[in-house]
N, C-alpha and C. Protein backbone atom coordinates (compact mmCIF):
# COMPACT_ATOMS: atom_id res chain seq x y z
N MET A 1 129.54 404.80 -6.39
CA MET A 1 129.41 404.26 -7.80
C MET A 1 129.01 402.83 -7.78
N LYS A 2 129.40 401.99 -6.83
CA LYS A 2 129.23 400.69 -6.81
C LYS A 2 127.51 400.33 -6.42
N TYR A 3 127.52 401.05 -5.26
CA TYR A 3 125.73 400.77 -4.69
C TYR A 3 125.02 401.60 -5.68
N PHE A 4 125.61 402.62 -6.56
CA PHE A 4 124.20 403.07 -7.50
C PHE A 4 124.03 402.14 -8.52
N ILE A 5 125.13 401.39 -9.16
CA ILE A 5 124.79 400.46 -9.81
C ILE A 5 123.99 399.42 -9.31
N TYR A 6 124.49 398.78 -7.96
CA TYR A 6 123.09 398.15 -7.39
C TYR A 6 121.76 398.25 -7.31
N LEU A 7 121.46 399.67 -7.24
CA LEU A 7 120.44 400.42 -7.12
C LEU A 7 119.65 400.11 -8.61
N ILE A 8 120.28 400.14 -9.16
CA ILE A 8 119.95 400.49 -11.02
C ILE A 8 119.13 398.83 -10.91
N LEU A 9 120.16 397.97 -10.86
CA LEU A 9 119.80 396.56 -10.97
C LEU A 9 118.59 395.85 -10.32
N ALA A 10 118.80 396.22 -8.94
CA ALA A 10 117.67 395.98 -8.03
C ALA A 10 116.25 396.61 -8.49
N SER A 11 116.47 397.63 -9.07
CA SER A 11 115.31 398.50 -9.85
C SER A 11 114.58 397.47 -11.01
N GLN A 12 115.24 396.97 -11.59
CA GLN A 12 115.27 396.33 -12.85
C GLN A 12 114.68 395.02 -12.46
N LEU A 13 115.26 394.17 -10.96
CA LEU A 13 114.63 393.22 -11.07
C LEU A 13 112.95 393.39 -10.70
N VAL A 14 112.74 394.16 -9.44
CA VAL A 14 111.61 394.62 -9.33
C VAL A 14 110.50 395.21 -10.18
N ALA A 15 110.74 395.58 -10.99
CA ALA A 15 110.04 396.06 -12.03
C ALA A 15 109.05 394.86 -12.73
N CYS A 16 107.49 395.51 -12.55
CA CYS A 16 106.64 394.20 -12.78
C CYS A 16 105.73 394.52 -14.31
N ALA A 17 105.66 393.44 -14.80
CA ALA A 17 104.98 393.44 -16.25
C ALA A 17 103.62 393.15 -15.97
N SER A 18 102.97 393.50 -16.92
CA SER A 18 101.37 393.18 -16.71
C SER A 18 101.55 391.15 -16.75
N ALA A 19 100.16 391.08 -16.17
CA ALA A 19 100.18 389.75 -16.12
C ALA A 19 98.69 389.50 -16.33
N SER A 20 98.19 388.25 -16.65
CA SER A 20 96.47 388.11 -17.08
C SER A 20 96.31 387.24 -15.53
N VAL A 21 95.00 387.95 -15.04
CA VAL A 21 94.73 387.51 -13.94
C VAL A 21 93.19 386.20 -14.01
N ALA A 22 92.28 386.47 -14.72
CA ALA A 22 91.26 385.49 -15.24
C ALA A 22 90.85 385.84 -16.66
N GLN A 23 90.33 385.10 -17.13
CA GLN A 23 89.82 384.94 -18.76
C GLN A 23 88.70 384.17 -18.78
N LYS A 24 88.07 385.21 -19.65
CA LYS A 24 86.54 384.28 -20.23
C LYS A 24 85.72 383.43 -19.28
N PHE A 25 85.19 384.45 -18.31
CA PHE A 25 84.10 384.40 -17.34
C PHE A 25 82.66 384.40 -18.09
N ASN A 26 82.30 383.44 -17.84
CA ASN A 26 80.98 383.38 -18.86
C ASN A 26 79.99 384.54 -18.95
N MET A 27 79.65 384.65 -17.36
CA MET A 27 78.54 385.89 -17.36
C MET A 27 78.43 386.19 -15.61
N VAL A 28 78.42 387.75 -15.47
CA VAL A 28 78.40 388.07 -14.36
C VAL A 28 77.08 388.87 -14.20
N SER A 29 76.16 388.68 -13.07
CA SER A 29 74.81 389.30 -13.06
C SER A 29 75.05 390.25 -11.82
N PHE A 30 74.87 391.37 -11.74
CA PHE A 30 74.38 392.20 -10.72
C PHE A 30 73.20 392.94 -10.30
N ASP A 31 72.23 392.06 -11.25
CA ASP A 31 70.73 391.89 -10.52
C ASP A 31 70.24 390.64 -10.79
N GLU A 32 69.34 389.94 -9.43
CA GLU A 32 69.44 388.92 -9.43
C GLU A 32 67.96 388.31 -10.21
N LYS A 33 66.86 389.06 -10.67
CA LYS A 33 66.14 389.10 -11.73
C LYS A 33 66.25 389.25 -13.20
N ALA A 34 67.58 389.52 -13.31
CA ALA A 34 67.78 390.06 -14.69
C ALA A 34 68.00 388.47 -15.88
N ASP A 35 67.16 388.32 -16.70
CA ASP A 35 67.15 387.58 -17.79
C ASP A 35 67.75 388.11 -18.92
N PRO A 36 69.10 387.21 -19.22
CA PRO A 36 69.99 387.86 -20.28
C PRO A 36 69.32 387.94 -21.47
N ALA A 37 68.37 387.38 -21.95
CA ALA A 37 67.67 387.02 -22.96
C ALA A 37 66.83 388.64 -23.51
N ASP A 38 66.40 389.30 -22.25
CA ASP A 38 65.58 389.96 -22.16
C ASP A 38 66.69 391.44 -22.43
N LEU A 39 67.88 391.37 -22.18
CA LEU A 39 68.65 392.65 -22.17
C LEU A 39 68.74 393.36 -23.40
N LYS A 40 68.90 394.53 -23.14
CA LYS A 40 69.73 395.35 -23.99
C LYS A 40 70.97 395.30 -23.83
N PRO A 41 71.98 394.70 -25.19
CA PRO A 41 73.34 395.06 -25.39
C PRO A 41 73.93 396.45 -25.54
N VAL A 42 74.97 397.16 -24.64
CA VAL A 42 75.23 398.27 -24.80
C VAL A 42 76.82 398.69 -25.42
N GLY A 43 77.25 397.29 -25.69
CA GLY A 43 78.59 397.16 -26.06
C GLY A 43 79.74 396.62 -25.36
N ASN A 44 80.69 396.91 -25.39
CA ASN A 44 82.06 396.50 -24.64
C ASN A 44 82.31 397.51 -23.81
N ILE A 45 82.48 397.35 -22.56
CA ILE A 45 82.84 397.90 -21.34
C ILE A 45 83.91 397.89 -20.93
N GLU A 46 84.16 398.42 -19.82
CA GLU A 46 85.53 398.68 -19.41
C GLU A 46 85.52 399.02 -17.98
N GLY A 47 85.99 398.36 -16.58
CA GLY A 47 86.15 398.93 -15.54
C GLY A 47 87.72 398.82 -14.81
N LYS A 48 88.04 400.18 -14.19
CA LYS A 48 89.42 400.13 -13.69
C LYS A 48 89.59 400.58 -12.37
N ASP A 49 90.34 399.88 -11.71
CA ASP A 49 90.76 400.58 -10.36
C ASP A 49 92.13 400.67 -10.38
N CYS A 50 92.84 401.89 -10.39
CA CYS A 50 94.17 402.15 -10.46
C CYS A 50 94.62 402.95 -9.09
N THR A 51 95.85 402.74 -8.70
CA THR A 51 96.70 403.40 -7.83
C THR A 51 98.24 403.55 -7.95
N TRP A 52 98.12 405.22 -7.74
CA TRP A 52 99.66 405.24 -8.11
C TRP A 52 100.54 405.52 -7.33
N TYR A 53 101.81 405.10 -7.22
CA TYR A 53 102.83 404.48 -6.60
C TYR A 53 104.26 405.46 -7.08
N VAL A 54 104.46 406.34 -6.21
CA VAL A 54 105.47 407.17 -6.07
C VAL A 54 106.95 406.72 -5.16
N LEU A 55 108.21 406.46 -5.89
CA LEU A 55 109.28 406.15 -4.96
C LEU A 55 108.51 404.61 -4.32
N GLY A 56 107.83 403.73 -4.62
CA GLY A 56 107.54 402.38 -4.15
C GLY A 56 106.45 402.58 -2.91
N TYR A 57 106.07 404.12 -2.53
CA TYR A 57 104.81 404.57 -1.70
C TYR A 57 103.62 404.55 -2.37
N GLY A 58 102.53 403.69 -2.00
CA GLY A 58 101.28 403.86 -2.80
C GLY A 58 100.52 405.29 -2.06
N VAL A 59 100.10 406.12 -3.32
CA VAL A 59 98.80 406.93 -3.10
C VAL A 59 97.64 406.56 -3.26
N GLY A 60 97.15 406.29 -1.82
CA GLY A 60 95.81 405.52 -2.27
C GLY A 60 95.75 404.16 -1.72
N GLU A 61 94.92 403.39 -1.66
CA GLU A 61 94.64 402.28 -1.44
C GLU A 61 94.63 401.18 -2.78
N ASP A 62 95.00 399.90 -2.50
CA ASP A 62 95.74 399.25 -3.55
C ASP A 62 94.42 398.98 -4.23
N PRO A 63 94.72 398.79 -5.72
CA PRO A 63 93.39 398.31 -6.63
C PRO A 63 92.80 396.90 -6.48
N THR A 64 91.40 396.71 -6.28
CA THR A 64 91.00 395.90 -6.26
C THR A 64 90.35 395.30 -7.34
N VAL A 65 89.87 394.25 -7.73
CA VAL A 65 88.74 393.84 -8.38
C VAL A 65 87.24 394.16 -8.40
N ARG A 66 87.10 394.36 -7.15
CA ARG A 66 85.53 394.60 -6.49
C ARG A 66 85.53 396.16 -7.27
N LYS A 67 86.12 396.89 -7.09
CA LYS A 67 86.12 398.31 -7.37
C LYS A 67 86.33 398.57 -9.09
N ALA A 68 87.22 397.60 -9.61
CA ALA A 68 86.77 397.72 -11.25
C ALA A 68 85.58 397.10 -11.66
N PHE A 69 84.99 396.40 -10.80
CA PHE A 69 83.66 395.63 -11.52
C PHE A 69 82.87 396.74 -11.07
N GLN A 70 82.62 397.42 -9.67
CA GLN A 70 81.71 398.77 -9.40
C GLN A 70 81.92 399.72 -10.56
N ASN A 71 83.28 400.00 -10.98
CA ASN A 71 83.63 401.02 -12.02
C ASN A 71 82.86 400.48 -13.31
N ALA A 72 82.90 399.30 -13.58
CA ALA A 72 82.24 398.75 -15.08
C ALA A 72 80.72 398.84 -15.04
N VAL A 73 80.34 398.25 -13.64
CA VAL A 73 78.78 398.41 -13.66
C VAL A 73 78.09 399.87 -13.39
N ASN A 74 78.73 400.70 -12.94
CA ASN A 74 78.30 402.01 -12.78
C ASN A 74 78.75 402.89 -14.45
N GLN A 75 79.77 402.32 -15.20
CA GLN A 75 80.02 402.92 -16.31
C GLN A 75 80.59 404.13 -15.97
N GLN A 76 81.65 404.02 -14.92
CA GLN A 76 82.62 405.14 -14.69
C GLN A 76 83.93 404.92 -14.96
N GLU A 77 84.40 406.07 -15.61
CA GLU A 77 85.95 405.70 -16.08
C GLU A 77 86.91 406.21 -14.74
N MET A 78 88.08 405.58 -14.89
CA MET A 78 89.09 406.37 -13.96
C MET A 78 89.90 407.39 -14.72
N ASN A 79 89.95 408.42 -13.47
CA ASN A 79 90.63 409.55 -14.00
C ASN A 79 92.26 409.48 -13.52
N LEU A 80 92.92 410.05 -14.03
CA LEU A 80 94.61 410.34 -13.80
C LEU A 80 94.94 410.44 -12.50
N ILE A 81 94.24 411.57 -12.10
CA ILE A 81 94.48 412.20 -10.63
C ILE A 81 93.65 411.69 -9.55
N PRO A 82 94.75 410.98 -8.79
CA PRO A 82 93.78 409.89 -7.78
C PRO A 82 92.79 410.56 -6.74
N GLY A 83 91.73 410.47 -6.47
CA GLY A 83 90.56 410.71 -5.38
C GLY A 83 89.38 411.51 -6.21
N GLN A 84 89.75 411.86 -7.74
CA GLN A 84 89.30 412.79 -8.50
C GLN A 84 87.95 411.73 -8.91
N LYS A 85 86.70 412.14 -8.84
CA LYS A 85 85.53 411.61 -9.16
C LYS A 85 84.92 411.96 -11.00
N THR A 86 83.96 410.59 -11.27
CA THR A 86 83.42 411.37 -12.75
C THR A 86 82.40 410.87 -12.70
N ALA A 87 81.57 411.28 -13.58
CA ALA A 87 80.10 410.99 -13.75
C ALA A 87 80.08 409.79 -14.42
N ALA A 88 78.78 408.93 -14.18
CA ALA A 88 78.91 407.93 -14.85
C ALA A 88 78.19 408.06 -16.25
N LYS A 89 78.33 407.45 -17.64
CA LYS A 89 78.26 407.36 -18.89
C LYS A 89 76.95 407.26 -19.46
N GLY A 90 76.51 406.22 -17.91
CA GLY A 90 74.85 405.77 -18.41
C GLY A 90 74.62 404.82 -17.49
N ALA A 91 73.14 404.39 -17.51
CA ALA A 91 72.59 403.66 -16.43
C ALA A 91 73.57 401.97 -16.13
N PRO A 92 73.49 402.11 -14.76
CA PRO A 92 74.20 401.13 -14.32
C PRO A 92 73.69 399.44 -15.08
N LEU A 93 74.64 398.73 -15.00
CA LEU A 93 74.80 397.37 -15.92
C LEU A 93 73.72 396.51 -15.02
N LYS A 94 73.22 395.29 -15.75
CA LYS A 94 72.58 394.21 -14.96
C LYS A 94 73.04 393.13 -15.45
N VAL A 95 73.99 392.86 -16.28
CA VAL A 95 74.79 391.91 -16.60
C VAL A 95 76.20 392.03 -17.58
N VAL A 96 77.11 391.49 -17.20
CA VAL A 96 78.15 391.83 -18.05
C VAL A 96 78.75 389.72 -18.61
N LYS A 97 78.77 390.15 -19.89
CA LYS A 97 78.82 388.80 -20.25
C LYS A 97 80.70 388.62 -20.73
N SER A 98 81.23 387.34 -20.89
CA SER A 98 82.42 387.36 -21.00
C SER A 98 83.94 388.10 -20.57
N VAL A 99 83.18 388.05 -19.53
CA VAL A 99 84.33 388.89 -18.56
C VAL A 99 85.80 388.45 -18.62
N SER A 100 86.82 389.86 -18.54
CA SER A 100 88.01 389.18 -18.55
C SER A 100 88.40 389.92 -17.34
N VAL A 101 89.31 389.66 -16.38
CA VAL A 101 90.10 390.41 -15.44
C VAL A 101 91.60 390.37 -15.69
N GLU A 102 92.07 391.73 -15.59
CA GLU A 102 93.48 391.71 -15.72
C GLU A 102 94.29 392.82 -15.14
N GLU A 103 95.63 392.86 -14.70
CA GLU A 103 96.04 393.64 -14.39
C GLU A 103 97.29 394.05 -15.47
N GLY A 104 96.97 395.68 -14.94
CA GLY A 104 97.86 396.64 -16.14
C GLY A 104 98.68 397.72 -15.43
N GLY A 105 98.93 398.80 -16.46
CA GLY A 105 99.20 399.78 -15.33
C GLY A 105 100.67 400.31 -16.40
N PHE A 106 101.93 400.63 -15.63
CA PHE A 106 102.95 400.97 -16.32
C PHE A 106 104.10 401.52 -15.04
N ASN A 107 105.40 401.15 -15.06
CA ASN A 107 106.13 401.25 -14.16
C ASN A 107 107.52 402.19 -14.99
N ALA A 108 107.57 403.43 -14.20
CA ALA A 108 108.37 404.47 -14.82
C ALA A 108 109.52 404.54 -13.46
N TYR A 109 109.66 403.56 -12.64
CA TYR A 109 110.61 403.11 -11.36
C TYR A 109 110.41 404.59 -10.44
N VAL A 110 110.13 405.58 -10.88
CA VAL A 110 109.91 406.93 -9.88
C VAL A 110 108.31 406.74 -9.75
N ALA A 111 107.68 406.88 -10.69
CA ALA A 111 106.44 406.68 -10.27
C ALA A 111 105.69 405.55 -11.09
N THR A 112 104.97 405.00 -10.48
CA THR A 112 104.13 403.55 -11.13
C THR A 112 102.48 403.98 -10.88
N ARG A 113 102.14 402.98 -12.02
CA ARG A 113 100.72 403.13 -11.92
C ARG A 113 100.12 401.43 -12.14
N ARG A 114 99.36 401.22 -10.95
CA ARG A 114 99.05 399.51 -11.26
C ARG A 114 97.41 399.67 -11.05
N CYS A 115 97.15 399.02 -11.59
CA CYS A 115 95.53 399.00 -12.16
C CYS A 115 95.02 397.55 -12.16
N MET A 116 93.81 397.60 -11.78
CA MET A 116 92.96 395.84 -12.09
C MET A 116 91.91 396.55 -13.18
N ILE A 117 91.80 395.78 -14.37
CA ILE A 117 91.06 396.13 -15.54
C ILE A 117 89.98 395.17 -15.52
N VAL A 118 88.61 395.38 -15.82
CA VAL A 118 87.87 394.42 -16.07
C VAL A 118 86.92 394.70 -17.34
N THR A 119 87.07 393.68 -18.29
CA THR A 119 86.36 394.14 -19.89
C THR A 119 85.29 393.23 -19.99
N GLY A 120 84.50 393.32 -20.59
CA GLY A 120 83.64 392.45 -21.52
C GLY A 120 82.41 393.44 -22.23
N ALA A 121 81.27 392.03 -22.12
CA ALA A 121 79.97 392.60 -23.12
C ALA A 121 79.04 393.04 -22.02
N GLY A 122 78.62 394.45 -22.08
CA GLY A 122 77.79 394.77 -21.16
C GLY A 122 75.77 394.86 -21.51
N PHE A 123 75.53 394.58 -20.44
CA PHE A 123 73.58 394.56 -20.87
C PHE A 123 72.88 395.47 -19.98
N GLN A 124 71.93 395.83 -20.47
CA GLN A 124 71.01 396.65 -19.14
C GLN A 124 69.77 396.09 -19.21
């Protein structure tokens, strides 16, 4: 019983909360010839890269900001099932303004989902 209590306390200490990584990048361009004044706004965009962990072991690669940006630029959504691909919602973006990068997900002790989330205003 004593070890069970230590296990519960240790899991409480290891549980992670979401934390801000980077806020308010002015502009990120994915096309070197893109002029922001000539681009059409497409609204707020979000790109995620997520990984599931079961009992502390990752199912797939750790989430990266690069993949989250790729999903944002290609306007692809992340699926709940690891490895499942989705179709793009529109044409690739050329510029993203007011970019924020954050960590997200949840921790249910047995199953955990960690995400890198990129949000901003997209332009084509």
